[in-house]
Amino acid sequence: MVYVFICKNEGGKWTAKGRGETAADLTAEGEDFFAVEKALKQTVLEHASYSGAVQISHTMVTPKSSVFVCQLGGAPVGGAAVAGASGDAGAPAAEEAAPEPEEEEESDDDMDGFSLFD
């Protein structure tokens, strides 16, 4: 389950409002960003009645706004998880390596005679 919040700093106080179906009715406030992050985590855990692994991330959009994401479950994501879950099915594909690209000579034509190593 993923919870998404929009956090804003207005008047020196951070506020967060939930977005999407899972978090639409959830809000949190804090004196600083870390306080609102802690409050959001607690709010999500209480809302979901969950006590397992939690992954938290945020992306600052501007100095006064951020997107906060809280994911419950913490399941591994990516190629390693898929390959590990499929057992030996991925082994033949690994043996068929793609040919290595040929290296091209670098040119100093655009440097007007400047060389870093002279």
C-alpha atoms as a PDB file:
ATOM      1  CA  MET A   1       0.000   0.000   0.000  1.00  0.00           C
ATOM      2  CA  VAL A   2       1.369   3.416  -0.952  1.00  0.00           C
ATOM      3  CA  TYR A   3       0.412   6.715   0.662  1.00  0.00           C
ATOM      4  CA  VAL A   4       1.251  10.015  -1.069  1.00  0.00           C
ATOM      5  CA  PHE A   5       1.208  13.432   0.597  1.00  0.00           C
ATOM      6  CA  ILE A   6       1.864  16.992  -0.541  1.00  0.00           C
ATOM      7  CA  CYS A   7       3.788  18.878   2.160  1.00  0.00           C
ATOM      8  CA  LYS A   8       3.944  22.685   2.290  1.00  0.00           C
ATOM      9  CA  ASN A   9       5.669  25.173   4.543  1.00  0.00           C
ATOM     10  CA  GLU A  10       3.343  28.091   5.191  1.00  0.00           C
ATOM     11  CA  GLY A  11       4.090  30.604   7.913  1.00  0.00           C
ATOM     12  CA  GLY A  12       6.975  28.573   9.307  1.00  0.00           C
ATOM     13  CA  LYS A  13       4.836  25.470   9.888  1.00  0.00           C
ATOM     14  CA  TRP A  14       4.771  22.338   7.717  1.00  0.00           C
ATOM     15  CA  THR A  15       1.405  20.841   6.748  1.00  0.00           C
ATOM     16  CA  ALA A  16       0.733  17.666   4.785  1.00  0.00           C
ATOM     17  CA  LYS A  17      -2.404  16.642   2.914  1.00  0.00           C
ATOM     18  CA  GLY A  18      -2.993  13.155   1.534  1.00  0.00           C
ATOM     19  CA  ARG A  19      -3.530  12.501  -2.166  1.00  0.00           C
ATOM     20  CA  GLY A  20      -5.204   9.569  -3.881  1.00  0.00           C
ATOM     21  CA  GLU A  21      -7.683   7.003  -2.607  1.00  0.00           C
ATOM     22  CA  THR A  22      -5.553   5.646   0.234  1.00  0.00           C
ATOM     23  CA  ALA A  23      -4.549   8.959   1.816  1.00  0.00           C
ATOM     24  CA  ALA A  24      -7.238  11.444   0.763  1.00  0.00           C
ATOM     25  CA  ASP A  25      -8.560  12.001   4.295  1.00  0.00           C
ATOM     26  CA  LEU A  26      -5.186  12.018   6.074  1.00  0.00           C
ATOM     27  CA  THR A  27      -3.334  15.151   7.225  1.00  0.00           C
ATOM     28  CA  ALA A  28      -0.424  15.997   9.511  1.00  0.00           C
ATOM     29  CA  GLU A  29       1.340  19.100  10.840  1.00  0.00           C
ATOM     30  CA  GLY A  30       4.719  19.841  12.355  1.00  0.00           C
ATOM     31  CA  GLU A  31       6.996  22.694  13.396  1.00  0.00           C
ATOM     32  CA  ASP A  32       9.688  21.513  10.952  1.00  0.00           C
ATOM     33  CA  PHE A  33       9.940  19.036   8.095  1.00  0.00           C
ATOM     34  CA  PHE A  34      11.232  16.195  10.272  1.00  0.00           C
ATOM     35  CA  ALA A  35       8.342  16.633  12.718  1.00  0.00           C
ATOM     36  CA  VAL A  36       5.766  16.416   9.925  1.00  0.00           C
ATOM     37  CA  GLU A  37       7.574  13.377   8.487  1.00  0.00           C
ATOM     38  CA  LYS A  38       7.381  11.626  11.865  1.00  0.00           C
ATOM     39  CA  ALA A  39       3.702  12.581  12.224  1.00  0.00           C
ATOM     40  CA  LEU A  40       2.930  11.289   8.717  1.00  0.00           C
ATOM     41  CA  LYS A  41       4.580   7.954   9.395  1.00  0.00           C
ATOM     42  CA  GLN A  42       2.589   7.529  12.605  1.00  0.00           C
ATOM     43  CA  THR A  43      -0.647   8.608  10.883  1.00  0.00           C
ATOM     44  CA  VAL A  44      -0.163   6.081   8.074  1.00  0.00           C
ATOM     45  CA  LEU A  45       0.670   3.237  10.473  1.00  0.00           C
ATOM     46  CA  GLU A  46      -2.431   3.973  12.557  1.00  0.00           C
ATOM     47  CA  HIS A  47      -4.669   4.342   9.486  1.00  0.00           C
ATOM     48  CA  ALA A  48      -3.502   1.025   8.030  1.00  0.00           C
ATOM     49  CA  SER A  49      -3.328  -0.810  11.387  1.00  0.00           C
ATOM     50  CA  TYR A  50       0.119  -1.945  10.259  1.00  0.00           C
ATOM     51  CA  SER A  51       3.303  -2.740  12.165  1.00  0.00           C
ATOM     52  CA  GLY A  52       5.671  -4.179   9.512  1.00  0.00           C
ATOM     53  CA  ALA A  53       8.368  -2.681   7.311  1.00  0.00           C
ATOM     54  CA  VAL A  54       7.882   0.879   6.073  1.00  0.00           C
ATOM     55  CA  GLN A  55       9.753   2.706   3.312  1.00  0.00           C
ATOM     56  CA  ILE A  56       9.665   6.495   3.406  1.00  0.00           C
ATOM     57  CA  SER A  57      10.914   8.960   0.822  1.00  0.00           C
ATOM     58  CA  HIS A  58      10.335  12.560  -0.087  1.00  0.00           C
ATOM     59  CA  THR A  59      11.285  14.817  -2.932  1.00  0.00           C
ATOM     60  CA  MET A  60      11.681  18.537  -2.403  1.00  0.00           C
ATOM     61  CA  VAL A  61       9.872  20.331  -5.214  1.00  0.00           C
ATOM     62  CA  THR A  62      10.693  23.820  -3.954  1.00  0.00           C
ATOM     63  CA  PRO A  63      12.255  24.934  -0.659  1.00  0.00           C
ATOM     64  CA  LYS A  64       8.712  25.189   0.738  1.00  0.00           C
ATOM     65  CA  SER A  65       7.015  22.146  -0.815  1.00  0.00           C
ATOM     66  CA  SER A  66       7.678  18.430  -0.973  1.00  0.00           C
ATOM     67  CA  VAL A  67       6.090  15.183  -2.126  1.00  0.00           C
ATOM     68  CA  PHE A  68       6.160  12.576   0.639  1.00  0.00           C
ATOM     69  CA  VAL A  69       5.660   8.857  -0.106  1.00  0.00           C
ATOM     70  CA  CYS A  70       5.150   6.137   2.496  1.00  0.00           C
ATOM     71  CA  GLN A  71       5.113   2.532   1.262  1.00  0.00           C
ATOM     72  CA  LEU A  72       3.988  -0.257   3.553  1.00  0.00           C
ATOM     73  CA  GLY A  73       5.541  -3.682   3.100  1.00  0.00           C
ATOM     74  CA  GLY A  74       9.020  -2.847   1.875  1.00  0.00           C
ATOM     75  CA  ALA A  75       9.096  -5.618  -0.751  1.00  0.00           C
ATOM     76  CA  PRO A  76      12.231  -5.618  -2.914  1.00  0.00           C
ATOM     77  CA  VAL A  77      11.762  -4.125  -6.356  1.00  0.00           C
ATOM     78  CA  GLY A  78      13.988  -4.430  -9.390  1.00  0.00           C
ATOM     79  CA  GLY A  79      15.784  -6.910 -11.616  1.00  0.00           C
ATOM     80  CA  ALA A  80      17.519  -8.784  -8.811  1.00  0.00           C
ATOM     81  CA  ALA A  81      14.222  -9.564  -7.107  1.00  0.00           C
ATOM     82  CA  VAL A  82      12.649 -10.771 -10.350  1.00  0.00           C
ATOM     83  CA  ALA A  83      15.647 -12.920 -11.305  1.00  0.00           C
ATOM     84  CA  GLY A  84      15.880 -14.390  -7.827  1.00  0.00           C
ATOM     85  CA  ALA A  85      12.191 -15.211  -7.756  1.00  0.00           C
ATOM     86  CA  SER A  86      12.266 -16.988 -11.111  1.00  0.00           C
ATOM     87  CA  GLY A  87      14.849 -19.595 -10.055  1.00  0.00           C
ATOM     88  CA  ASP A  88      16.931 -21.006 -12.912  1.00  0.00           C
ATOM     89  CA  ALA A  89      14.762 -19.458 -15.625  1.00  0.00           C
ATOM     90  CA  GLY A  90      17.097 -16.478 -16.013  1.00  0.00           C
ATOM     91  CA  ALA A  91      20.321 -18.482 -16.418  1.00  0.00           C
ATOM     92  CA  PRO A  92      20.226 -19.106 -20.216  1.00  0.00           C
ATOM     93  CA  ALA A  93      19.572 -15.441 -20.935  1.00  0.00           C
ATOM     94  CA  ALA A  94      22.610 -14.454 -18.887  1.00  0.00           C
ATOM     95  CA  GLU A  95      24.854 -16.702 -20.991  1.00  0.00           C
ATOM     96  CA  GLU A  96      23.814 -14.910 -24.179  1.00  0.00           C
ATOM     97  CA  ALA A  97      25.692 -11.680 -23.540  1.00  0.00           C
ATOM     98  CA  ALA A  98      25.214  -8.813 -25.949  1.00  0.00           C
ATOM     99  CA  PRO A  99      28.254  -7.943 -28.076  1.00  0.00           C
ATOM    100  CA  GLU A 100      30.342  -5.155 -26.606  1.00  0.00           C
ATOM    101  CA  PRO A 101      30.140  -1.853 -28.510  1.00  0.00           C
ATOM    102  CA  GLU A 102      33.287  -0.763 -30.269  1.00  0.00           C
ATOM    103  CA  GLU A 103      35.079   2.174 -28.695  1.00  0.00           C
ATOM    104  CA  GLU A 104      35.340   5.281 -30.820  1.00  0.00           C
ATOM    105  CA  GLU A 105      38.385   7.511 -30.869  1.00  0.00           C
ATOM    106  CA  GLU A 106      37.724  10.741 -29.041  1.00  0.00           C
ATOM    107  CA  SER A 107      38.378  13.923 -30.928  1.00  0.00           C
ATOM    108  CA  ASP A 108      39.721  17.217 -29.582  1.00  0.00           C
ATOM    109  CA  ASP A 109      38.339  19.170 -32.558  1.00  0.00           C
ATOM    110  CA  ASP A 110      35.845  21.028 -30.401  1.00  0.00           C
ATOM    111  CA  MET A 111      38.487  22.035 -27.821  1.00  0.00           C
ATOM    112  CA  ASP A 112      40.443  24.446 -30.085  1.00  0.00           C
ATOM    113  CA  GLY A 113      43.833  22.941 -29.244  1.00  0.00           C
ATOM    114  CA  PHE A 114      43.246  22.720 -25.477  1.00  0.00           C
ATOM    115  CA  SER A 115      44.428  19.491 -23.881  1.00  0.00           C
ATOM    116  CA  LEU A 116      43.947  18.565 -20.265  1.00  0.00           C
ATOM    117  CA  PHE A 117      47.130  16.478 -20.174  1.00  0.00           C
ATOM    118  CA  ASP A 118      49.654  18.826 -21.840  1.00  0.00           C
END
